[in-house]
Amino acid sequence: MINISVKDMDGQAHEVQAREGDSLMEALREYEWGVPAICGGLCSCGTCHVYLDPQWQGKFMQADSDEQDLLDEFETTQATSRLSCQLQLTAAHDGLTLTIAPEE
């Protein structure tokens, strides 16, 4: 299992586990405090927006143009912003830390 430390939109810390091969969105949408993930992972709504802690930013593939275009539309986008539906988890992501972005 992959251990993930998450700070929700209210600033509360949570520890979750995910399976290798799942998207980060799949791990986070299971919780009341998690991401809404309205489009179900189609990279079309942005409701799974997260901020990766800086040390994790380079451990995922770079955002493709569709993801980046959607992130560019948000006022809350930061340098470490990603859509969790686009992040596939591997064993190398064990210990991942992130914050769920505010809803827009």
Protein backbone atom coordinates (compact mmCIF):
# COMPACT_ATOMS: atom_id res chain seq x y z
CA MET A 1 0.00 0.00 0.00
CA ILE A 2 1.03 3.58 -0.64
CA ASN A 3 0.81 5.92 2.35
CA ILE A 4 -0.31 9.49 1.65
CA SER A 5 -0.46 12.47 4.01
CA VAL A 6 -3.23 14.89 3.07
CA LYS A 7 -4.21 18.30 4.38
CA ASP A 8 -7.86 18.93 3.58
CA MET A 9 -9.47 22.29 2.68
CA ASP A 10 -10.07 22.98 6.39
CA GLY A 11 -6.41 22.44 7.25
CA GLN A 12 -6.99 19.08 8.95
CA ALA A 13 -4.35 16.38 8.45
CA HIS A 14 -5.30 12.88 7.30
CA GLU A 15 -3.38 9.71 6.52
CA VAL A 16 -4.75 7.54 3.70
CA GLN A 17 -3.60 4.48 1.83
CA ALA A 18 -3.88 3.75 -1.86
CA ARG A 19 -3.09 0.86 -4.16
CA GLU A 20 -0.33 0.98 -6.72
CA GLY A 21 -1.82 1.74 -10.14
CA ASP A 22 -4.70 3.82 -8.78
CA SER A 23 -4.92 7.48 -9.59
CA LEU A 24 -4.47 9.87 -6.69
CA MET A 25 -8.03 11.05 -7.32
CA GLU A 26 -9.36 7.54 -6.68
CA ALA A 27 -7.67 7.54 -3.28
CA LEU A 28 -8.96 11.00 -2.33
CA ARG A 29 -12.57 10.90 -3.51
CA GLU A 30 -13.51 8.14 -1.07
CA TYR A 31 -13.57 10.53 1.88
CA GLU A 32 -16.12 13.15 2.91
CA TRP A 33 -13.27 15.68 3.20
CA GLY A 34 -11.62 14.53 -0.06
CA VAL A 35 -11.89 15.76 -3.62
CA PRO A 36 -15.33 15.87 -5.31
CA ALA A 37 -13.95 14.55 -8.63
CA ILE A 38 -17.16 15.43 -10.45
CA CYS A 39 -16.01 14.35 -13.92
CA GLY A 40 -14.72 11.01 -12.61
CA GLY A 41 -11.18 11.44 -13.88
CA LEU A 42 -11.74 12.78 -17.39
CA CYS A 43 -9.58 15.89 -16.84
CA SER A 44 -12.49 18.17 -17.63
CA CYS A 45 -13.68 19.78 -14.39
CA GLY A 46 -10.73 20.46 -12.07
CA THR A 47 -12.57 19.40 -8.90
CA CYS A 48 -9.65 17.13 -8.00
CA HIS A 49 -7.12 19.99 -7.84
CA VAL A 50 -4.33 19.44 -5.30
CA TYR A 51 -1.06 21.07 -4.31
CA LEU A 52 1.79 18.60 -4.14
CA ASP A 53 4.43 19.33 -1.56
CA PRO A 54 7.43 20.67 -3.53
CA GLN A 55 9.64 17.61 -2.99
CA TRP A 56 7.03 15.46 -4.78
CA GLN A 57 6.48 17.66 -7.81
CA GLY A 58 9.18 16.01 -9.92
CA LYS A 59 8.18 12.46 -8.99
CA PHE A 60 5.22 12.42 -11.38
CA MET A 61 5.13 12.87 -15.15
CA GLN A 62 4.72 16.51 -16.19
CA ALA A 63 1.22 17.82 -16.79
CA ASP A 64 0.07 17.40 -20.37
CA SER A 65 -1.44 20.31 -22.29
CA ASP A 66 -5.06 19.44 -21.37
CA GLU A 67 -4.28 19.38 -17.66
CA GLN A 68 -2.21 22.55 -17.84
CA ASP A 69 -4.91 24.40 -19.80
CA LEU A 70 -7.47 23.53 -17.11
CA LEU A 71 -5.13 24.54 -14.28
CA ASP A 72 -4.45 27.85 -16.02
CA GLU A 73 -8.17 28.71 -15.66
CA PHE A 74 -8.09 28.67 -11.84
CA GLU A 75 -7.27 31.63 -9.61
CA THR A 76 -5.86 29.25 -6.98
CA THR A 77 -3.29 27.54 -9.21
CA GLN A 78 0.19 27.38 -7.70
CA ALA A 79 3.55 26.12 -8.96
CA THR A 80 2.87 22.67 -7.47
CA SER A 81 -0.77 22.41 -8.64
CA ARG A 82 -1.90 19.19 -10.27
CA LEU A 83 -5.15 17.44 -11.06
CA SER A 84 -5.14 14.29 -8.97
CA CYS A 85 -6.99 12.38 -11.71
CA GLN A 86 -3.84 12.66 -13.84
CA LEU A 87 -1.44 11.27 -11.23
CA GLN A 88 -0.94 7.50 -11.30
CA LEU A 89 0.46 6.11 -8.08
CA THR A 90 3.44 3.76 -7.89
CA ALA A 91 5.46 2.40 -5.00
CA ALA A 92 7.81 5.37 -5.48
CA HIS A 93 5.02 7.64 -4.20
CA ASP A 94 4.87 6.05 -0.75
CA GLY A 95 5.00 8.92 1.74
CA LEU A 96 3.44 11.45 -0.66
CA THR A 97 2.33 14.70 1.00
CA LEU A 98 -0.17 17.15 -0.46
CA THR A 99 -2.91 19.67 0.22
CA ILE A 100 -6.36 19.69 -1.37
CA ALA A 101 -6.86 22.99 -3.20
CA PRO A 102 -9.86 25.18 -2.34
CA GLU A 103 -12.95 24.83 -4.49
CA GLU A 104 -13.53 27.45 -7.15
